[in-house]
Amino acid sequence: MKTYEAVFILNERQVKDGGEALTQEIVEHLTNLGGRILRQENMGRRQFARPINKQTTGIYLNFVFEMAPDKANQIADRYQLNPSVTRVGVLNYEGPPVKS
């Protein structure tokens, strides 16, 4: 198992509940792939440095999780075509150790 960090930027025009429903969907998807959530955080609405698709703000969700390396790329593949998700990035986690 390897530790990853995933950051999702949600389209405010598509999300009505501040990202709560999509957060639950992401958590279910990660656990169904055999991952274990170590930390999840709704970082709220943030301003972009440059507009993305004519949007100037988005809702940021941050997840730190453990998962088998061969399954990690399936996360970005699933959510890239979702209209509620503006951007998604899955990176190797290099921060301080997370206590589970």
PDB file of N, CA and C in Angstrom:
ATOM      1  N   MET A   1       0.840  -1.175   0.000  1.00  0.00           N
ATOM      2  CA  MET A   1       0.000   0.000   0.000  1.00  0.00           C
ATOM      3  C   MET A   1       0.888   1.243   0.000  1.00  0.00           C
ATOM      4  N   LYS A   2       0.474   2.203  -0.771  1.00  0.00           N
ATOM      5  CA  LYS A   2       1.206   3.446  -0.902  1.00  0.00           C
ATOM      6  C   LYS A   2       0.280   4.595  -0.511  1.00  0.00           C
ATOM      7  N   THR A   3       0.835   5.684   0.000  1.00  0.00           N
ATOM      8  CA  THR A   3       0.025   6.820   0.437  1.00  0.00           C
ATOM      9  C   THR A   3      -0.058   7.855  -0.677  1.00  0.00           C
ATOM     10  N   TYR A   4      -1.277   8.287  -0.977  1.00  0.00           N
ATOM     11  CA  TYR A   4      -1.550   9.258  -2.026  1.00  0.00           C
ATOM     12  C   TYR A   4      -2.346  10.423  -1.472  1.00  0.00           C
ATOM     13  N   GLU A   5      -2.296  11.535  -2.202  1.00  0.00           N
ATOM     14  CA  GLU A   5      -3.125  12.690  -1.901  1.00  0.00           C
ATOM     15  C   GLU A   5      -3.883  13.037  -3.183  1.00  0.00           C
ATOM     16  N   ALA A   6      -5.194  13.216  -3.058  1.00  0.00           N
ATOM     17  CA  ALA A   6      -6.022  13.586  -4.203  1.00  0.00           C
ATOM     18  C   ALA A   6      -6.685  14.922  -3.908  1.00  0.00           C
ATOM     19  N   VAL A   7      -6.600  15.825  -4.868  1.00  0.00           N
ATOM     20  CA  VAL A   7      -7.235  17.133  -4.755  1.00  0.00           C
ATOM     21  C   VAL A   7      -8.262  17.243  -5.877  1.00  0.00           C
ATOM     22  N   PHE A   8      -9.489  17.538  -5.500  1.00  0.00           N
ATOM     23  CA  PHE A   8     -10.583  17.726  -6.445  1.00  0.00           C
ATOM     24  C   PHE A   8     -11.001  19.188  -6.396  1.00  0.00           C
ATOM     25  N   ILE A   9     -11.168  19.809  -7.560  1.00  0.00           N
ATOM     26  CA  ILE A   9     -11.725  21.154  -7.648  1.00  0.00           C
ATOM     27  C   ILE A   9     -13.099  21.009  -8.289  1.00  0.00           C
ATOM     28  N   LEU A  10     -14.124  21.412  -7.553  1.00  0.00           N
ATOM     29  CA  LEU A  10     -15.501  21.242  -8.010  1.00  0.00           C
ATOM     30  C   LEU A  10     -16.019  22.512  -8.662  1.00  0.00           C
ATOM     31  N   ASN A  11     -16.873  22.320  -9.658  1.00  0.00           N
ATOM     32  CA  ASN A  11     -17.541  23.412 -10.352  1.00  0.00           C
ATOM     33  C   ASN A  11     -18.689  23.901  -9.470  1.00  0.00           C
ATOM     34  N   GLU A  12     -18.617  25.134  -9.014  1.00  0.00           N
ATOM     35  CA  GLU A  12     -19.651  25.668  -8.115  1.00  0.00           C
ATOM     36  C   GLU A  12     -21.032  25.712  -8.764  1.00  0.00           C
ATOM     37  N   ARG A  13     -21.079  25.859 -10.063  1.00  0.00           N
ATOM     38  CA  ARG A  13     -22.366  25.928 -10.762  1.00  0.00           C
ATOM     39  C   ARG A  13     -23.063  24.567 -10.814  1.00  0.00           C
ATOM     40  N   GLN A  14     -22.315  23.502 -10.692  1.00  0.00           N
ATOM     41  CA  GLN A  14     -22.862  22.155 -10.777  1.00  0.00           C
ATOM     42  C   GLN A  14     -23.153  21.545  -9.404  1.00  0.00           C
ATOM     43  N   VAL A  15     -22.516  22.070  -8.363  1.00  0.00           N
ATOM     44  CA  VAL A  15     -22.616  21.499  -7.015  1.00  0.00           C
ATOM     45  C   VAL A  15     -23.505  22.392  -6.154  1.00  0.00           C
ATOM     46  N   LYS A  16     -24.557  21.817  -5.578  1.00  0.00           N
ATOM     47  CA  LYS A  16     -25.513  22.601  -4.797  1.00  0.00           C
ATOM     48  C   LYS A  16     -25.262  22.534  -3.291  1.00  0.00           C
ATOM     49  N   ASP A  17     -24.682  21.473  -2.802  1.00  0.00           N
ATOM     50  CA  ASP A  17     -24.565  21.255  -1.351  1.00  0.00           C
ATOM     51  C   ASP A  17     -23.153  21.487  -0.812  1.00  0.00           C
ATOM     52  N   GLY A  18     -22.352  22.253  -1.500  1.00  0.00           N
ATOM     53  CA  GLY A  18     -20.992  22.513  -1.037  1.00  0.00           C
ATOM     54  C   GLY A  18     -20.054  21.333  -1.222  1.00  0.00           C
ATOM     55  N   GLY A  19     -20.468  20.333  -1.974  1.00  0.00           N
ATOM     56  CA  GLY A  19     -19.621  19.185  -2.265  1.00  0.00           C
ATOM     57  C   GLY A  19     -19.818  17.991  -1.359  1.00  0.00           C
ATOM     58  N   GLU A  20     -20.806  18.033  -0.460  1.00  0.00           N
ATOM     59  CA  GLU A  20     -21.002  16.927   0.494  1.00  0.00           C
ATOM     60  C   GLU A  20     -21.382  15.618  -0.204  1.00  0.00           C
ATOM     61  N   ALA A  21     -22.304  15.657  -1.159  1.00  0.00           N
ATOM     62  CA  ALA A  21     -22.726  14.431  -1.849  1.00  0.00           C
ATOM     63  C   ALA A  21     -21.572  13.841  -2.654  1.00  0.00           C
ATOM     64  N   LEU A  22     -20.822  14.691  -3.324  1.00  0.00           N
ATOM     65  CA  LEU A  22     -19.689  14.205  -4.115  1.00  0.00           C
ATOM     66  C   LEU A  22     -18.577  13.686  -3.211  1.00  0.00           C
ATOM     67  N   THR A  23     -18.412  14.282  -2.033  1.00  0.00           N
ATOM     68  CA  THR A  23     -17.428  13.786  -1.068  1.00  0.00           C
ATOM     69  C   THR A  23     -17.756  12.353  -0.670  1.00  0.00           C
ATOM     70  N   GLN A  24     -19.026  12.095  -0.366  1.00  0.00           N
ATOM     71  CA  GLN A  24     -19.450  10.742  -0.001  1.00  0.00           C
ATOM     72  C   GLN A  24     -19.234   9.763  -1.150  1.00  0.00           C
ATOM     73  N   GLU A  25     -19.507  10.203  -2.382  1.00  0.00           N
ATOM     74  CA  GLU A  25     -19.297   9.341  -3.550  1.00  0.00           C
ATOM     75  C   GLU A  25     -17.817   9.007  -3.720  1.00  0.00           C
ATOM     76  N   ILE A  26     -16.948   9.985  -3.528  1.00  0.00           N
ATOM     77  CA  ILE A  26     -15.508   9.766  -3.662  1.00  0.00           C
ATOM     78  C   ILE A  26     -15.005   8.811  -2.587  1.00  0.00           C
ATOM     79  N   VAL A  27     -15.459   8.994  -1.346  1.00  0.00           N
ATOM     80  CA  VAL A  27     -15.058   8.108  -0.242  1.00  0.00           C
ATOM     81  C   VAL A  27     -15.487   6.677  -0.542  1.00  0.00           C
ATOM     82  N   GLU A  28     -16.715   6.486  -1.015  1.00  0.00           N
ATOM     83  CA  GLU A  28     -17.194   5.138  -1.363  1.00  0.00           C
ATOM     84  C   GLU A  28     -16.359   4.537  -2.477  1.00  0.00           C
ATOM     85  N   HIS A  29     -16.029   5.343  -3.487  1.00  0.00           N
ATOM     86  CA  HIS A  29     -15.234   4.846  -4.613  1.00  0.00           C
ATOM     87  C   HIS A  29     -13.838   4.432  -4.146  1.00  0.00           C
ATOM     88  N   LEU A  30     -13.215   5.245  -3.291  1.00  0.00           N
ATOM     89  CA  LEU A  30     -11.876   4.907  -2.794  1.00  0.00           C
ATOM     90  C   LEU A  30     -11.897   3.620  -1.974  1.00  0.00           C
ATOM     91  N   THR A  31     -12.892   3.453  -1.125  1.00  0.00           N
ATOM     92  CA  THR A  31     -12.955   2.236  -0.308  1.00  0.00           C
ATOM     93  C   THR A  31     -13.301   1.020  -1.151  1.00  0.00           C
ATOM     94  N   ASN A  32     -14.120   1.193  -2.190  1.00  0.00           N
ATOM     95  CA  ASN A  32     -14.435   0.067  -3.079  1.00  0.00           C
ATOM     96  C   ASN A  32     -13.212  -0.398  -3.863  1.00  0.00           C
ATOM     97  N   LEU A  33     -12.278   0.506  -4.113  1.00  0.00           N
ATOM     98  CA  LEU A  33     -11.038   0.134  -4.802  1.00  0.00           C
ATOM     99  C   LEU A  33     -10.016  -0.469  -3.847  1.00  0.00           C
ATOM    100  N   GLY A  34     -10.361  -0.599  -2.575  1.00  0.00           N
ATOM    101  CA  GLY A  34      -9.459  -1.199  -1.604  1.00  0.00           C
ATOM    102  C   GLY A  34      -8.611  -0.185  -0.860  1.00  0.00           C
ATOM    103  N   GLY A  35      -8.949   1.088  -0.979  1.00  0.00           N
ATOM    104  CA  GLY A  35      -8.189   2.130  -0.298  1.00  0.00           C
ATOM    105  C   GLY A  35      -8.683   2.358   1.119  1.00  0.00           C
ATOM    106  N   ARG A  36      -7.856   3.017   1.890  1.00  0.00           N
ATOM    107  CA  ARG A  36      -8.207   3.371   3.260  1.00  0.00           C
ATOM    108  C   ARG A  36      -7.990   4.869   3.429  1.00  0.00           C
ATOM    109  N   ILE A  37      -9.050   5.598   3.771  1.00  0.00           N
ATOM    110  CA  ILE A  37      -8.985   7.050   3.929  1.00  0.00           C
ATOM    111  C   ILE A  37      -8.250   7.375   5.227  1.00  0.00           C
ATOM    112  N   LEU A  38      -7.208   8.182   5.137  1.00  0.00           N
ATOM    113  CA  LEU A  38      -6.470   8.623   6.309  1.00  0.00           C
ATOM    114  C   LEU A  38      -6.917  10.012   6.755  1.00  0.00           C
ATOM    115  N   ARG A  39      -7.272  10.861   5.783  1.00  0.00           N
ATOM    116  CA  ARG A  39      -7.738  12.209   6.098  1.00  0.00           C
ATOM    117  C   ARG A  39      -8.550  12.736   4.931  1.00  0.00           C
ATOM    118  N   GLN A  40      -9.633  13.420   5.241  1.00  0.00           N
ATOM    119  CA  GLN A  40     -10.403  14.096   4.203  1.00  0.00           C
ATOM    120  C   GLN A  40     -10.753  15.483   4.705  1.00  0.00           C
ATOM    121  N   GLU A  41     -10.738  16.443   3.790  1.00  0.00           N
ATOM    122  CA  GLU A  41     -10.967  17.825   4.185  1.00  0.00           C
ATOM    123  C   GLU A  41     -11.673  18.565   3.058  1.00  0.00           C
ATOM    124  N   ASN A  42     -12.753  19.242   3.407  1.00  0.00           N
ATOM    125  CA  ASN A  42     -13.403  20.152   2.481  1.00  0.00           C
ATOM    126  C   ASN A  42     -12.772  21.514   2.739  1.00  0.00           C
ATOM    127  N   MET A  43     -11.957  21.974   1.799  1.00  0.00           N
ATOM    128  CA  MET A  43     -11.206  23.207   1.977  1.00  0.00           C
ATOM    129  C   MET A  43     -12.031  24.442   1.630  1.00  0.00           C
ATOM    130  N   GLY A  44     -13.242  24.229   1.142  1.00  0.00           N
ATOM    131  CA  GLY A  44     -14.135  25.344   0.858  1.00  0.00           C
ATOM    132  C   GLY A  44     -13.880  26.002  -0.485  1.00  0.00           C
ATOM    133  N   ARG A  45     -14.505  27.150  -0.628  1.00  0.00           N
ATOM    134  CA  ARG A  45     -14.436  27.906  -1.876  1.00  0.00           C
ATOM    135  C   ARG A  45     -13.139  28.707  -1.917  1.00  0.00           C
ATOM    136  N   ARG A  46     -12.445  28.605  -3.046  1.00  0.00           N
ATOM    137  CA  ARG A  46     -11.176  29.320  -3.217  1.00  0.00           C
ATOM    138  C   ARG A  46     -11.160  30.033  -4.575  1.00  0.00           C
ATOM    139  N   GLN A  47     -10.462  31.135  -4.607  1.00  0.00           N
ATOM    140  CA  GLN A  47     -10.290  31.914  -5.834  1.00  0.00           C
ATOM    141  C   GLN A  47      -9.142  31.320  -6.652  1.00  0.00           C
ATOM    142  N   PHE A  48      -9.305  31.232  -7.970  1.00  0.00           N
ATOM    143  CA  PHE A  48      -8.253  30.751  -8.860  1.00  0.00           C
ATOM    144  C   PHE A  48      -7.287  31.894  -9.188  1.00  0.00           C
ATOM    145  N   ALA A  49      -6.038  31.571  -9.438  1.00  0.00           N
ATOM    146  CA  ALA A  49      -5.072  32.568  -9.883  1.00  0.00           C
ATOM    147  C   ALA A  49      -5.407  33.024 -11.301  1.00  0.00           C
ATOM    148  N   ARG A  50      -5.862  32.081 -12.124  1.00  0.00           N
ATOM    149  CA  ARG A  50      -6.305  32.364 -13.491  1.00  0.00           C
ATOM    150  C   ARG A  50      -7.617  31.633 -13.727  1.00  0.00           C
ATOM    151  N   PRO A  51      -8.502  32.197 -14.531  1.00  0.00           N
ATOM    152  CA  PRO A  51      -9.782  31.509 -14.786  1.00  0.00           C
ATOM    153  C   PRO A  51      -9.575  30.141 -15.454  1.00  0.00           C
ATOM    154  N   ILE A  52     -10.425  29.207 -15.070  1.00  0.00           N
ATOM    155  CA  ILE A  52     -10.447  27.878 -15.686  1.00  0.00           C
ATOM    156  C   ILE A  52     -11.834  27.713 -16.295  1.00  0.00           C
ATOM    157  N   ASN A  53     -11.900  27.562 -17.606  1.00  0.00           N
ATOM    158  CA  ASN A  53     -13.182  27.434 -18.308  1.00  0.00           C
ATOM    159  C   ASN A  53     -14.150  28.550 -17.913  1.00  0.00           C
ATOM    160  N   LYS A  54     -13.664  29.776 -17.881  1.00  0.00           N
ATOM    161  CA  LYS A  54     -14.436  30.977 -17.543  1.00  0.00           C
ATOM    162  C   LYS A  54     -14.932  31.005 -16.097  1.00  0.00           C
ATOM    163  N   GLN A  55     -14.377  30.168 -15.247  1.00  0.00           N
ATOM    164  CA  GLN A  55     -14.711  30.175 -13.821  1.00  0.00           C
ATOM    165  C   GLN A  55     -13.559  30.819 -13.061  1.00  0.00           C
ATOM    166  N   THR A  56     -13.902  31.552 -12.014  1.00  0.00           N
ATOM    167  CA  THR A  56     -12.866  32.206 -11.217  1.00  0.00           C
ATOM    168  C   THR A  56     -12.735  31.612  -9.821  1.00  0.00           C
ATOM    169  N   THR A  57     -13.691  30.755  -9.416  1.00  0.00           N
ATOM    170  CA  THR A  57     -13.628  30.109  -8.104  1.00  0.00           C
ATOM    171  C   THR A  57     -14.050  28.656  -8.219  1.00  0.00           C
ATOM    172  N   GLY A  58     -13.709  27.877  -7.197  1.00  0.00           N
ATOM    173  CA  GLY A  58     -14.102  26.475  -7.136  1.00  0.00           C
ATOM    174  C   GLY A  58     -14.063  25.979  -5.699  1.00  0.00           C
ATOM    175  N   ILE A  59     -14.677  24.843  -5.471  1.00  0.00           N
ATOM    176  CA  ILE A  59     -14.682  24.215  -4.152  1.00  0.00           C
ATOM    177  C   ILE A  59     -13.602  23.139  -4.148  1.00  0.00           C
ATOM    178  N   TYR A  60     -12.701  23.204  -3.188  1.00  0.00           N
ATOM    179  CA  TYR A  60     -11.572  22.278  -3.112  1.00  0.00           C
ATOM    180  C   TYR A  60     -11.851  21.175  -2.092  1.00  0.00           C
ATOM    181  N   LEU A  61     -11.607  19.930  -2.497  1.00  0.00           N
ATOM    182  CA  LEU A  61     -11.681  18.770  -1.614  1.00  0.00           C
ATOM    183  C   LEU A  61     -10.308  18.108  -1.602  1.00  0.00           C
ATOM    184  N   ASN A  62      -9.837  17.732  -0.417  1.00  0.00           N
ATOM    185  CA  ASN A  62      -8.516  17.120  -0.281  1.00  0.00           C
ATOM    186  C   ASN A  62      -8.664  15.789   0.450  1.00  0.00           C
ATOM    187  N   PHE A  63      -8.066  14.732  -0.106  1.00  0.00           N
ATOM    188  CA  PHE A  63      -8.109  13.398   0.492  1.00  0.00           C
ATOM    189  C   PHE A  63      -6.693  12.854   0.583  1.00  0.00           C
ATOM    190  N   VAL A  64      -6.354  12.252   1.718  1.00  0.00           N
ATOM    191  CA  VAL A  64      -5.110  11.502   1.878  1.00  0.00           C
ATOM    192  C   VAL A  64      -5.535  10.068   2.162  1.00  0.00           C
ATOM    193  N   PHE A  65      -4.995   9.120   1.389  1.00  0.00           N
ATOM    194  CA  PHE A  65      -5.447   7.735   1.491  1.00  0.00           C
ATOM    195  C   PHE A  65      -4.333   6.779   1.125  1.00  0.00           C
ATOM    196  N   GLU A  66      -4.486   5.533   1.563  1.00  0.00           N
ATOM    197  CA  GLU A  66      -3.571   4.456   1.183  1.00  0.00           C
ATOM    198  C   GLU A  66      -4.279   3.573   0.174  1.00  0.00           C
ATOM    199  N   MET A  67      -3.528   3.153  -0.840  1.00  0.00           N
ATOM    200  CA  MET A  67      -4.112   2.325  -1.886  1.00  0.00           C
ATOM    201  C   MET A  67      -3.002   1.610  -2.643  1.00  0.00           C
ATOM    202  N   ALA A  68      -3.360   0.505  -3.259  1.00  0.00           N
ATOM    203  CA  ALA A  68      -2.418  -0.205  -4.112  1.00  0.00           C
ATOM    204  C   ALA A  68      -2.081   0.677  -5.321  1.00  0.00           C
ATOM    205  N   PRO A  69      -0.808   0.735  -5.718  1.00  0.00           N
ATOM    206  CA  PRO A  69      -0.403   1.631  -6.809  1.00  0.00           C
ATOM    207  C   PRO A  69      -1.123   1.386  -8.132  1.00  0.00           C
ATOM    208  N   ASP A  70      -1.498   0.154  -8.437  1.00  0.00           N
ATOM    209  CA  ASP A  70      -2.152  -0.114  -9.712  1.00  0.00           C
ATOM    210  C   ASP A  70      -3.590   0.391  -9.774  1.00  0.00           C
ATOM    211  N   LYS A  71      -4.181   0.730  -8.651  1.00  0.00           N
ATOM    212  CA  LYS A  71      -5.563   1.223  -8.619  1.00  0.00           C
ATOM    213  C   LYS A  71      -5.658   2.743  -8.559  1.00  0.00           C
ATOM    214  N   ALA A  72      -4.572   3.429  -8.229  1.00  0.00           N
ATOM    215  CA  ALA A  72      -4.608   4.877  -8.004  1.00  0.00           C
ATOM    216  C   ALA A  72      -4.980   5.663  -9.258  1.00  0.00           C
ATOM    217  N   ASN A  73      -4.562   5.199 -10.425  1.00  0.00           N
ATOM    218  CA  ASN A  73      -4.868   5.945 -11.648  1.00  0.00           C
ATOM    219  C   ASN A  73      -6.346   5.846 -12.038  1.00  0.00           C
ATOM    220  N   GLN A  74      -7.082   4.902 -11.479  1.00  0.00           N
ATOM    221  CA  GLN A  74      -8.502   4.771 -11.777  1.00  0.00           C
ATOM    222  C   GLN A  74      -9.322   5.910 -11.186  1.00  0.00           C
ATOM    223  N   ILE A  75      -8.799   6.572 -10.174  1.00  0.00           N
ATOM    224  CA  ILE A  75      -9.523   7.663  -9.527  1.00  0.00           C
ATOM    225  C   ILE A  75      -9.661   8.842 -10.488  1.00  0.00           C
ATOM    226  N   ALA A  76      -8.542   9.298 -11.020  1.00  0.00           N
ATOM    227  CA  ALA A  76      -8.585  10.430 -11.948  1.00  0.00           C
ATOM    228  C   ALA A  76      -9.369  10.077 -13.201  1.00  0.00           C
ATOM    229  N   ASP A  77      -9.230   8.858 -13.693  1.00  0.00           N
ATOM    230  CA  ASP A  77      -9.948   8.442 -14.896  1.00  0.00           C
ATOM    231  C   ASP A  77     -11.457   8.532 -14.719  1.00  0.00           C
ATOM    232  N   ARG A  78     -11.947   8.184 -13.542  1.00  0.00           N
ATOM    233  CA  ARG A  78     -13.398   8.191 -13.309  1.00  0.00           C
ATOM    234  C   ARG A  78     -13.967   9.610 -13.231  1.00  0.00           C
ATOM    235  N   TYR A  79     -13.245  10.533 -12.613  1.00  0.00           N
ATOM    236  CA  TYR A  79     -13.803  11.855 -12.339  1.00  0.00           C
ATOM    237  C   TYR A  79     -13.428  12.929 -13.353  1.00  0.00           C
ATOM    238  N   GLN A  80     -12.564  12.634 -14.314  1.00  0.00           N
ATOM    239  CA  GLN A  80     -12.195  13.641 -15.312  1.00  0.00           C
ATOM    240  C   GLN A  80     -13.365  14.035 -16.211  1.00  0.00           C
ATOM    241  N   LEU A  81     -14.272  13.127 -16.467  1.00  0.00           N
ATOM    242  CA  LEU A  81     -15.402  13.424 -17.346  1.00  0.00           C
ATOM    243  C   LEU A  81     -16.653  13.852 -16.591  1.00  0.00           C
ATOM    244  N   ASN A  82     -16.591  13.927 -15.276  1.00  0.00           N
ATOM    245  CA  ASN A  82     -17.724  14.350 -14.464  1.00  0.00           C
ATOM    246  C   ASN A  82     -17.878  15.873 -14.582  1.00  0.00           C
ATOM    247  N   PRO A  83     -19.052  16.374 -14.976  1.00  0.00           N
ATOM    248  CA  PRO A  83     -19.210  17.827 -15.143  1.00  0.00           C
ATOM    249  C   PRO A  83     -19.129  18.606 -13.824  1.00  0.00           C
ATOM    250  N   SER A  84     -19.308  17.949 -12.696  1.00  0.00           N
ATOM    251  CA  SER A  84     -19.206  18.622 -11.402  1.00  0.00           C
ATOM    252  C   SER A  84     -17.757  18.845 -10.976  1.00  0.00           C
ATOM    253  N   VAL A  85     -16.826  18.137 -11.611  1.00  0.00           N
ATOM    254  CA  VAL A  85     -15.408  18.219 -11.239  1.00  0.00           C
ATOM    255  C   VAL A  85     -14.657  19.007 -12.308  1.00  0.00           C
ATOM    256  N   THR A  86     -14.081  20.139 -11.904  1.00  0.00           N
ATOM    257  CA  THR A  86     -13.312  20.965 -12.836  1.00  0.00           C
ATOM    258  C   THR A  86     -11.919  20.379 -13.053  1.00  0.00           C
ATOM    259  N   ARG A  87     -11.251  20.008 -11.978  1.00  0.00           N
ATOM    260  CA  ARG A  87      -9.911  19.417 -12.044  1.00  0.00           C
ATOM    261  C   ARG A  87      -9.778  18.351 -10.967  1.00  0.00           C
ATOM    262  N   VAL A  88      -8.929  17.358 -11.240  1.00  0.00           N
ATOM    263  CA  VAL A  88      -8.594  16.340 -10.244  1.00  0.00           C
ATOM    264  C   VAL A  88      -7.119  15.989 -10.409  1.00  0.00           C
ATOM    265  N   GLY A  89      -6.441  15.869  -9.282  1.00  0.00           N
ATOM    266  CA  GLY A  89      -5.039  15.482  -9.298  1.00  0.00           C
ATOM    267  C   GLY A  89      -4.768  14.458  -8.212  1.00  0.00           C
ATOM    268  N   VAL A  90      -4.083  13.371  -8.582  1.00  0.00           N
ATOM    269  CA  VAL A  90      -3.710  12.334  -7.623  1.00  0.00           C
ATOM    270  C   VAL A  90      -2.186  12.292  -7.593  1.00  0.00           C
ATOM    271  N   LEU A  91      -1.629  12.557  -6.413  1.00  0.00           N
ATOM    272  CA  LEU A  91      -0.182  12.673  -6.256  1.00  0.00           C
ATOM    273  C   LEU A  91       0.309  11.748  -5.161  1.00  0.00           C
ATOM    274  N   ASN A  92       1.597  11.425  -5.204  1.00  0.00           N
ATOM    275  CA  ASN A  92       2.215  10.720  -4.082  1.00  0.00           C
ATOM    276  C   ASN A  92       2.230  11.661  -2.892  1.00  0.00           C
ATOM    277  N   TYR A  93       1.849  11.161  -1.741  1.00  0.00           N
ATOM    278  CA  TYR A  93       1.805  11.991  -0.525  1.00  0.00           C
ATOM    279  C   TYR A  93       3.192  12.077   0.070  1.00  0.00           C
ATOM    280  N   GLU A  94       3.675  13.294   0.261  1.00  0.00           N
ATOM    281  CA  GLU A  94       5.020  13.516   0.804  1.00  0.00           C
ATOM    282  C   GLU A  94       4.992  14.425   2.018  1.00  0.00           C
ATOM    283  N   GLY A  95       3.849  14.542   2.666  1.00  0.00           N
ATOM    284  CA  GLY A  95       3.717  15.399   3.839  1.00  0.00           C
ATOM    285  C   GLY A  95       4.090  14.663   5.103  1.00  0.00           C
ATOM    286  N   PRO A  96       3.764  15.267   6.244  1.00  0.00           N
ATOM    287  CA  PRO A  96       4.047  14.604   7.519  1.00  0.00           C
ATOM    288  C   PRO A  96       3.206  13.352   7.665  1.00  0.00           C
ATOM    289  N   PRO A  97       3.666  12.384   8.457  1.00  0.00           N
ATOM    290  CA  PRO A  97       2.891  11.135   8.627  1.00  0.00           C
ATOM    291  C   PRO A  97       1.494  11.428   9.146  1.00  0.00           C
ATOM    292  N   VAL A  98       0.526  10.695   8.591  1.00  0.00           N
ATOM    293  CA  VAL A  98      -0.870  10.845   8.987  1.00  0.00           C
ATOM    294  C   VAL A  98      -1.233   9.703   9.900  1.00  0.00           C
ATOM    295  N   LYS A  99      -1.752  10.027  11.081  1.00  0.00           N
ATOM    296  CA  LYS A  99      -2.173   8.986  12.010  1.00  0.00           C
ATOM    297  C   LYS A  99      -3.571   8.560  11.639  1.00  0.00           C
ATOM    298  N   SER A 100      -3.773   7.260  11.549  1.00  0.00           N
ATOM    299  CA  SER A 100      -5.089   6.751  11.151  1.00  0.00           C
ATOM    300  C   SER A 100      -5.971   6.437  12.321  1.00  0.00           C
TER     301      SER A 100
END
